[in-house]
Amino acid sequence: MKCFAATLALCCLLPFFAGCETASVTAPTGFLKDYSVLEEGTYFKQEYIAPGVDFSKYASVKVVPVNFDYLMDKTVCSPEDLENLGRAFRQDIEKSLAEKGFKITHAPSANTLIVCAAITNIEIPDRLFNAAKSLAPYGLSLVPTDTDGRTAFEAKVVDPKTGKTVIEIGEQRSGAGGQLDIAAMTVGGYMKFVNANVVYRGWADRMAKMLSELKNR
């Protein structure tokens, strides 16, 4: 009878956990120019698109190295970790933009946008807890917990000719950010950066989608 009651309670809780939102807003770090203009957007949890900008004229993009100067909390990441994460995120952004038809350039012109991204938080998975959870009785081990890591970023897109920031975005994600990824589902809770890299690829894809759709309006 007690087992049945526990199972019933678990079944009632699972829809609640399953409905938890993995995306959330980030605390201002100072990387962006004006946080007061950010609103919940189509592409990101926090978003601003400058009014009156003709995005159709932009054919190329320069992606600058990812900034880690605004990490909100102390991180266990080593300088080498950060360098590798930043390099991979930058490559993801360039790859996603190229797939949407943008030329990747290192020499901005009048039809170039400059993408500047900053990782503002990195919390690695609680690997010991997750290992213990995997050994828990069936049912309890399936209950989602916020122990699969967390990462946040902010980004701005600048017109180099005018110096005007035309886009500002920000978002924080837990675990793999709600994305279906085999590596994240199997080892994401035990490896330091598997989930973070999945999230970064998702952000890169959405940045590219955002710029492409703005260009083709």
C-alpha atoms as a PDB file:
ATOM      1  CA  MET A   1       0.000   0.000   0.000  1.00  0.00           C
ATOM      2  CA  LYS A   2       2.844   2.356   0.893  1.00  0.00           C
ATOM      3  CA  CYS A   3       4.581   1.503  -2.384  1.00  0.00           C
ATOM      4  CA  PHE A   4       1.395   2.257  -4.300  1.00  0.00           C
ATOM      5  CA  ALA A   5       1.020   5.616  -2.549  1.00  0.00           C
ATOM      6  CA  ALA A   6       4.619   6.541  -3.307  1.00  0.00           C
ATOM      7  CA  THR A   7       4.198   5.565  -6.953  1.00  0.00           C
ATOM      8  CA  LEU A   8       0.988   7.558  -7.212  1.00  0.00           C
ATOM      9  CA  ALA A   9       2.651  10.611  -5.698  1.00  0.00           C
ATOM     10  CA  LEU A  10       5.545  10.262  -8.136  1.00  0.00           C
ATOM     11  CA  CYS A  11       3.178  10.036 -11.091  1.00  0.00           C
ATOM     12  CA  CYS A  12       1.502  13.223  -9.942  1.00  0.00           C
ATOM     13  CA  LEU A  13       4.850  15.016  -9.688  1.00  0.00           C
ATOM     14  CA  LEU A  14       6.281  13.920 -13.031  1.00  0.00           C
ATOM     15  CA  PRO A  15       4.093  16.210 -15.192  1.00  0.00           C
ATOM     16  CA  PHE A  16       5.187  19.114 -12.993  1.00  0.00           C
ATOM     17  CA  PHE A  17       8.858  18.339 -13.457  1.00  0.00           C
ATOM     18  CA  ALA A  18       8.411  17.613 -17.158  1.00  0.00           C
ATOM     19  CA  GLY A  19       6.871  21.029 -17.616  1.00  0.00           C
ATOM     20  CA  CYS A  20       9.788  22.899 -16.044  1.00  0.00           C
ATOM     21  CA  GLU A  21      11.150  25.544 -18.369  1.00  0.00           C
ATOM     22  CA  THR A  22      14.852  25.206 -19.113  1.00  0.00           C
ATOM     23  CA  ALA A  23      15.224  28.791 -20.348  1.00  0.00           C
ATOM     24  CA  SER A  24      15.359  31.731 -17.977  1.00  0.00           C
ATOM     25  CA  VAL A  25      16.515  35.331 -17.872  1.00  0.00           C
ATOM     26  CA  THR A  26      20.008  36.306 -16.808  1.00  0.00           C
ATOM     27  CA  ALA A  27      21.100  38.881 -14.254  1.00  0.00           C
ATOM     28  CA  PRO A  28      22.667  41.968 -15.890  1.00  0.00           C
ATOM     29  CA  THR A  29      26.443  41.655 -16.046  1.00  0.00           C
ATOM     30  CA  GLY A  30      27.382  44.861 -17.831  1.00  0.00           C
ATOM     31  CA  PHE A  31      28.277  43.274 -21.156  1.00  0.00           C
ATOM     32  CA  LEU A  32      25.207  44.677 -22.870  1.00  0.00           C
ATOM     33  CA  LYS A  33      24.670  48.398 -23.229  1.00  0.00           C
ATOM     34  CA  ASP A  34      21.049  48.730 -22.095  1.00  0.00           C
ATOM     35  CA  TYR A  35      19.177  45.973 -20.253  1.00  0.00           C
ATOM     36  CA  SER A  36      16.002  48.048 -19.908  1.00  0.00           C
ATOM     37  CA  VAL A  37      15.109  47.426 -23.561  1.00  0.00           C
ATOM     38  CA  LEU A  38      15.187  43.627 -23.294  1.00  0.00           C
ATOM     39  CA  GLU A  39      11.890  41.775 -23.574  1.00  0.00           C
ATOM     40  CA  GLU A  40      10.913  38.139 -23.957  1.00  0.00           C
ATOM     41  CA  GLY A  41      11.365  37.512 -27.637  1.00  0.00           C
ATOM     42  CA  THR A  42      10.695  35.141 -30.499  1.00  0.00           C
ATOM     43  CA  TYR A  43      14.162  33.636 -30.526  1.00  0.00           C
ATOM     44  CA  PHE A  44      15.557  34.182 -27.014  1.00  0.00           C
ATOM     45  CA  LYS A  45      14.298  34.656 -23.484  1.00  0.00           C
ATOM     46  CA  GLN A  46      15.676  38.202 -23.492  1.00  0.00           C
ATOM     47  CA  GLU A  47      15.747  40.048 -26.759  1.00  0.00           C
ATOM     48  CA  TYR A  48      15.953  43.513 -28.320  1.00  0.00           C
ATOM     49  CA  ILE A  49      15.853  44.379 -32.015  1.00  0.00           C
ATOM     50  CA  ALA A  50      16.471  48.038 -32.837  1.00  0.00           C
ATOM     51  CA  PRO A  51      13.541  49.554 -34.737  1.00  0.00           C
ATOM     52  CA  GLY A  52      13.941  50.803 -38.281  1.00  0.00           C
ATOM     53  CA  VAL A  53      17.005  48.734 -39.167  1.00  0.00           C
ATOM     54  CA  ASP A  54      17.196  47.420 -42.741  1.00  0.00           C
ATOM     55  CA  PHE A  55      18.700  43.975 -42.172  1.00  0.00           C
ATOM     56  CA  SER A  56      18.403  43.067 -45.868  1.00  0.00           C
ATOM     57  CA  LYS A  57      21.605  44.995 -46.632  1.00  0.00           C
ATOM     58  CA  TYR A  58      23.793  42.757 -44.476  1.00  0.00           C
ATOM     59  CA  ALA A  59      25.477  39.966 -46.406  1.00  0.00           C
ATOM     60  CA  SER A  60      28.455  39.151 -44.216  1.00  0.00           C
ATOM     61  CA  VAL A  61      29.188  38.657 -40.536  1.00  0.00           C
ATOM     62  CA  LYS A  62      32.276  38.944 -38.378  1.00  0.00           C
ATOM     63  CA  VAL A  63      32.188  36.864 -35.182  1.00  0.00           C
ATOM     64  CA  VAL A  64      34.640  38.111 -32.578  1.00  0.00           C
ATOM     65  CA  PRO A  65      36.178  35.781 -29.956  1.00  0.00           C
ATOM     66  CA  VAL A  66      33.778  34.837 -27.170  1.00  0.00           C
ATOM     67  CA  ASN A  67      34.129  37.027 -24.091  1.00  0.00           C
ATOM     68  CA  PHE A  68      34.514  35.471 -20.608  1.00  0.00           C
ATOM     69  CA  ASP A  69      35.211  38.684 -18.669  1.00  0.00           C
ATOM     70  CA  TYR A  70      31.631  38.857 -17.386  1.00  0.00           C
ATOM     71  CA  LEU A  71      31.263  35.467 -15.721  1.00  0.00           C
ATOM     72  CA  MET A  72      28.826  36.182 -12.901  1.00  0.00           C
ATOM     73  CA  ASP A  73      30.041  33.480 -10.535  1.00  0.00           C
ATOM     74  CA  LYS A  74      33.354  31.858  -9.847  1.00  0.00           C
ATOM     75  CA  THR A  75      33.817  28.982 -12.212  1.00  0.00           C
ATOM     76  CA  VAL A  76      35.684  25.713 -11.860  1.00  0.00           C
ATOM     77  CA  CYS A  77      36.702  26.074 -15.487  1.00  0.00           C
ATOM     78  CA  SER A  78      40.404  26.478 -16.135  1.00  0.00           C
ATOM     79  CA  PRO A  79      41.677  29.066 -18.627  1.00  0.00           C
ATOM     80  CA  GLU A  80      42.190  26.176 -21.052  1.00  0.00           C
ATOM     81  CA  ASP A  81      38.581  25.055 -20.524  1.00  0.00           C
ATOM     82  CA  LEU A  82      37.325  28.552 -21.273  1.00  0.00           C
ATOM     83  CA  GLU A  83      39.520  28.873 -24.354  1.00  0.00           C
ATOM     84  CA  ASN A  84      38.194  25.576 -25.730  1.00  0.00           C
ATOM     85  CA  LEU A  85      34.567  26.434 -24.929  1.00  0.00           C
ATOM     86  CA  GLY A  86      34.891  29.878 -26.488  1.00  0.00           C
ATOM     87  CA  ARG A  87      36.551  28.548 -29.619  1.00  0.00           C
ATOM     88  CA  ALA A  88      33.878  25.885 -30.094  1.00  0.00           C
ATOM     89  CA  PHE A  89      31.023  28.366 -29.520  1.00  0.00           C
ATOM     90  CA  ARG A  90      32.508  30.834 -32.009  1.00  0.00           C
ATOM     91  CA  GLN A  91      32.911  28.078 -34.597  1.00  0.00           C
ATOM     92  CA  ASP A  92      29.313  26.984 -34.004  1.00  0.00           C
ATOM     93  CA  ILE A  93      28.075  30.539 -34.615  1.00  0.00           C
ATOM     94  CA  GLU A  94      30.137  30.892 -37.793  1.00  0.00           C
ATOM     95  CA  LYS A  95      28.996  27.497 -39.071  1.00  0.00           C
ATOM     96  CA  SER A  96      25.319  28.231 -38.425  1.00  0.00           C
ATOM     97  CA  LEU A  97      25.530  31.657 -40.064  1.00  0.00           C
ATOM     98  CA  ALA A  98      27.340  30.251 -43.107  1.00  0.00           C
ATOM     99  CA  GLU A  99      24.621  27.618 -43.478  1.00  0.00           C
ATOM    100  CA  LYS A 100      22.081  30.461 -43.617  1.00  0.00           C
ATOM    101  CA  GLY A 101      23.968  32.089 -46.486  1.00  0.00           C
ATOM    102  CA  PHE A 102      26.041  34.701 -44.648  1.00  0.00           C
ATOM    103  CA  LYS A 103      29.661  35.207 -45.643  1.00  0.00           C
ATOM    104  CA  ILE A 104      32.021  34.924 -42.671  1.00  0.00           C
ATOM    105  CA  THR A 105      34.603  37.681 -42.809  1.00  0.00           C
ATOM    106  CA  HIS A 106      37.439  39.103 -40.731  1.00  0.00           C
ATOM    107  CA  ALA A 107      37.368  42.449 -42.548  1.00  0.00           C
ATOM    108  CA  PRO A 108      34.043  44.247 -41.873  1.00  0.00           C
ATOM    109  CA  SER A 109      32.525  46.415 -44.569  1.00  0.00           C
ATOM    110  CA  ALA A 110      29.362  48.491 -44.870  1.00  0.00           C
ATOM    111  CA  ASN A 111      27.245  45.359 -45.325  1.00  0.00           C
ATOM    112  CA  THR A 112      28.762  43.461 -42.405  1.00  0.00           C
ATOM    113  CA  LEU A 113      27.366  42.759 -38.951  1.00  0.00           C
ATOM    114  CA  ILE A 114      29.662  42.104 -35.990  1.00  0.00           C
ATOM    115  CA  VAL A 115      28.501  39.427 -33.557  1.00  0.00           C
ATOM    116  CA  CYS A 116      29.888  39.719 -30.026  1.00  0.00           C
ATOM    117  CA  ALA A 117      28.969  36.975 -27.548  1.00  0.00           C
ATOM    118  CA  ALA A 118      29.830  36.583 -23.887  1.00  0.00           C
ATOM    119  CA  ILE A 119      29.432  33.501 -21.706  1.00  0.00           C
ATOM    120  CA  THR A 120      28.244  34.923 -18.380  1.00  0.00           C
ATOM    121  CA  ASN A 121      27.766  31.765 -16.322  1.00  0.00           C
ATOM    122  CA  ILE A 122      28.954  28.157 -16.389  1.00  0.00           C
ATOM    123  CA  GLU A 123      27.909  25.637 -13.752  1.00  0.00           C
ATOM    124  CA  ILE A 124      29.004  22.084 -14.455  1.00  0.00           C
ATOM    125  CA  PRO A 125      26.764  19.080 -13.645  1.00  0.00           C
ATOM    126  CA  ASP A 126      26.741  17.668 -10.124  1.00  0.00           C
ATOM    127  CA  ARG A 127      28.304  14.426 -11.252  1.00  0.00           C
ATOM    128  CA  LEU A 128      28.349  12.706  -7.849  1.00  0.00           C
ATOM    129  CA  PHE A 129      24.681  13.444  -7.233  1.00  0.00           C
ATOM    130  CA  ASN A 130      23.726  12.326 -10.724  1.00  0.00           C
ATOM    131  CA  ALA A 131      25.653   9.099 -10.310  1.00  0.00           C
ATOM    132  CA  ALA A 132      23.865   8.417  -7.010  1.00  0.00           C
ATOM    133  CA  LYS A 133      20.527   9.298  -8.587  1.00  0.00           C
ATOM    134  CA  SER A 134      21.109   6.785 -11.390  1.00  0.00           C
ATOM    135  CA  LEU A 135      21.377   4.068  -8.736  1.00  0.00           C
ATOM    136  CA  ALA A 136      18.133   5.076  -7.027  1.00  0.00           C
ATOM    137  CA  PRO A 137      15.026   2.869  -7.318  1.00  0.00           C
ATOM    138  CA  TYR A 138      13.317   2.964 -10.698  1.00  0.00           C
ATOM    139  CA  GLY A 139      10.921   5.883 -10.762  1.00  0.00           C
ATOM    140  CA  LEU A 140      12.810   8.088  -8.374  1.00  0.00           C
ATOM    141  CA  SER A 141      15.801   7.982 -10.710  1.00  0.00           C
ATOM    142  CA  LEU A 142      13.588   9.371 -13.481  1.00  0.00           C
ATOM    143  CA  VAL A 143      12.525  12.483 -11.571  1.00  0.00           C
ATOM    144  CA  PRO A 144      14.203  15.497 -13.255  1.00  0.00           C
ATOM    145  CA  THR A 145      16.504  17.540 -11.037  1.00  0.00           C
ATOM    146  CA  ASP A 146      18.377  20.743 -11.750  1.00  0.00           C
ATOM    147  CA  THR A 147      21.771  19.093 -11.362  1.00  0.00           C
ATOM    148  CA  ASP A 148      22.804  18.796 -15.015  1.00  0.00           C
ATOM    149  CA  GLY A 149      24.621  22.104 -15.153  1.00  0.00           C
ATOM    150  CA  ARG A 150      23.648  25.576 -16.234  1.00  0.00           C
ATOM    151  CA  THR A 151      25.060  28.143 -18.596  1.00  0.00           C
ATOM    152  CA  ALA A 152      24.157  31.670 -19.640  1.00  0.00           C
ATOM    153  CA  PHE A 153      25.159  34.056 -22.356  1.00  0.00           C
ATOM    154  CA  GLU A 154      24.596  37.557 -23.642  1.00  0.00           C
ATOM    155  CA  ALA A 155      25.264  38.768 -27.162  1.00  0.00           C
ATOM    156  CA  LYS A 156      25.082  41.947 -29.154  1.00  0.00           C
ATOM    157  CA  VAL A 157      25.119  42.549 -32.881  1.00  0.00           C
ATOM    158  CA  VAL A 158      26.748  45.771 -34.029  1.00  0.00           C
ATOM    159  CA  ASP A 159      26.765  47.725 -37.288  1.00  0.00           C
ATOM    160  CA  PRO A 160      30.473  48.629 -37.656  1.00  0.00           C
ATOM    161  CA  LYS A 161      29.764  51.600 -39.911  1.00  0.00           C
ATOM    162  CA  THR A 162      27.529  53.407 -37.414  1.00  0.00           C
ATOM    163  CA  GLY A 163      28.703  51.731 -34.227  1.00  0.00           C
ATOM    164  CA  LYS A 164      25.056  51.137 -33.387  1.00  0.00           C
ATOM    165  CA  THR A 165      23.980  48.018 -31.517  1.00  0.00           C
ATOM    166  CA  VAL A 166      21.111  46.623 -33.582  1.00  0.00           C
ATOM    167  CA  ILE A 167      20.404  43.453 -31.561  1.00  0.00           C
ATOM    168  CA  GLU A 168      20.826  42.479 -27.925  1.00  0.00           C
ATOM    169  CA  ILE A 169      20.004  39.001 -26.586  1.00  0.00           C
ATOM    170  CA  GLY A 170      20.459  37.006 -23.411  1.00  0.00           C
ATOM    171  CA  GLU A 171      19.405  33.662 -22.011  1.00  0.00           C
ATOM    172  CA  GLN A 172      20.211  31.059 -19.380  1.00  0.00           C
ATOM    173  CA  ARG A 173      19.652  27.345 -19.889  1.00  0.00           C
ATOM    174  CA  SER A 174      19.717  24.337 -17.599  1.00  0.00           C
ATOM    175  CA  GLY A 175      21.096  20.959 -18.635  1.00  0.00           C
ATOM    176  CA  ALA A 176      21.060  20.546 -22.393  1.00  0.00           C
ATOM    177  CA  GLY A 177      18.547  23.349 -22.763  1.00  0.00           C
ATOM    178  CA  GLY A 178      15.637  21.074 -23.586  1.00  0.00           C
ATOM    179  CA  GLN A 179      17.275  19.845 -26.775  1.00  0.00           C
ATOM    180  CA  LEU A 180      17.193  16.215 -27.809  1.00  0.00           C
ATOM    181  CA  ASP A 181      20.792  15.114 -28.052  1.00  0.00           C
ATOM    182  CA  ILE A 182      22.060  11.558 -27.620  1.00  0.00           C
ATOM    183  CA  ALA A 183      25.297  12.556 -25.886  1.00  0.00           C
ATOM    184  CA  ALA A 184      23.465  14.890 -23.519  1.00  0.00           C
ATOM    185  CA  MET A 185      20.858  12.248 -22.686  1.00  0.00           C
ATOM    186  CA  THR A 186      23.452   9.552 -22.006  1.00  0.00           C
ATOM    187  CA  VAL A 187      26.489  11.256 -20.468  1.00  0.00           C
ATOM    188  CA  GLY A 188      25.492  14.920 -20.136  1.00  0.00           C
ATOM    189  CA  GLY A 189      24.997  14.618 -16.396  1.00  0.00           C
ATOM    190  CA  TYR A 190      28.457  13.117 -15.882  1.00  0.00           C
ATOM    191  CA  MET A 191      30.702  15.061 -18.256  1.00  0.00           C
ATOM    192  CA  LYS A 192      31.789  18.633 -17.558  1.00  0.00           C
ATOM    193  CA  PHE A 193      30.808  20.358 -20.789  1.00  0.00           C
ATOM    194  CA  VAL A 194      28.659  18.032 -22.915  1.00  0.00           C
ATOM    195  CA  ASN A 195      25.439  19.820 -21.980  1.00  0.00           C
ATOM    196  CA  ALA A 196      27.002  23.278 -22.267  1.00  0.00           C
ATOM    197  CA  ASN A 197      28.230  22.579 -25.792  1.00  0.00           C
ATOM    198  CA  VAL A 198      24.784  21.316 -26.792  1.00  0.00           C
ATOM    199  CA  VAL A 199      23.288  24.570 -25.502  1.00  0.00           C
ATOM    200  CA  TYR A 200      25.880  26.641 -27.364  1.00  0.00           C
ATOM    201  CA  ARG A 201      25.066  24.873 -30.632  1.00  0.00           C
ATOM    202  CA  GLY A 202      21.398  25.603 -30.049  1.00  0.00           C
ATOM    203  CA  TRP A 203      22.113  29.278 -29.400  1.00  0.00           C
ATOM    204  CA  ALA A 204      24.270  29.457 -32.531  1.00  0.00           C
ATOM    205  CA  ASP A 205      21.457  27.968 -34.622  1.00  0.00           C
ATOM    206  CA  ARG A 206      18.904  30.390 -33.204  1.00  0.00           C
ATOM    207  CA  MET A 207      21.163  33.399 -33.741  1.00  0.00           C
ATOM    208  CA  ALA A 208      21.593  32.371 -37.353  1.00  0.00           C
ATOM    209  CA  LYS A 209      17.856  31.800 -37.750  1.00  0.00           C
ATOM    210  CA  MET A 210      17.136  35.193 -36.213  1.00  0.00           C
ATOM    211  CA  LEU A 211      19.513  37.091 -38.500  1.00  0.00           C
ATOM    212  CA  SER A 212      18.379  35.156 -41.571  1.00  0.00           C
ATOM    213  CA  GLU A 213      14.704  35.843 -40.939  1.00  0.00           C
ATOM    214  CA  LEU A 214      15.349  39.509 -40.202  1.00  0.00           C
ATOM    215  CA  LYS A 215      17.327  39.772 -43.441  1.00  0.00           C
ATOM    216  CA  ASN A 216      14.585  38.138 -45.497  1.00  0.00           C
ATOM    217  CA  ARG A 217      11.582  39.974 -44.103  1.00  0.00           C
END
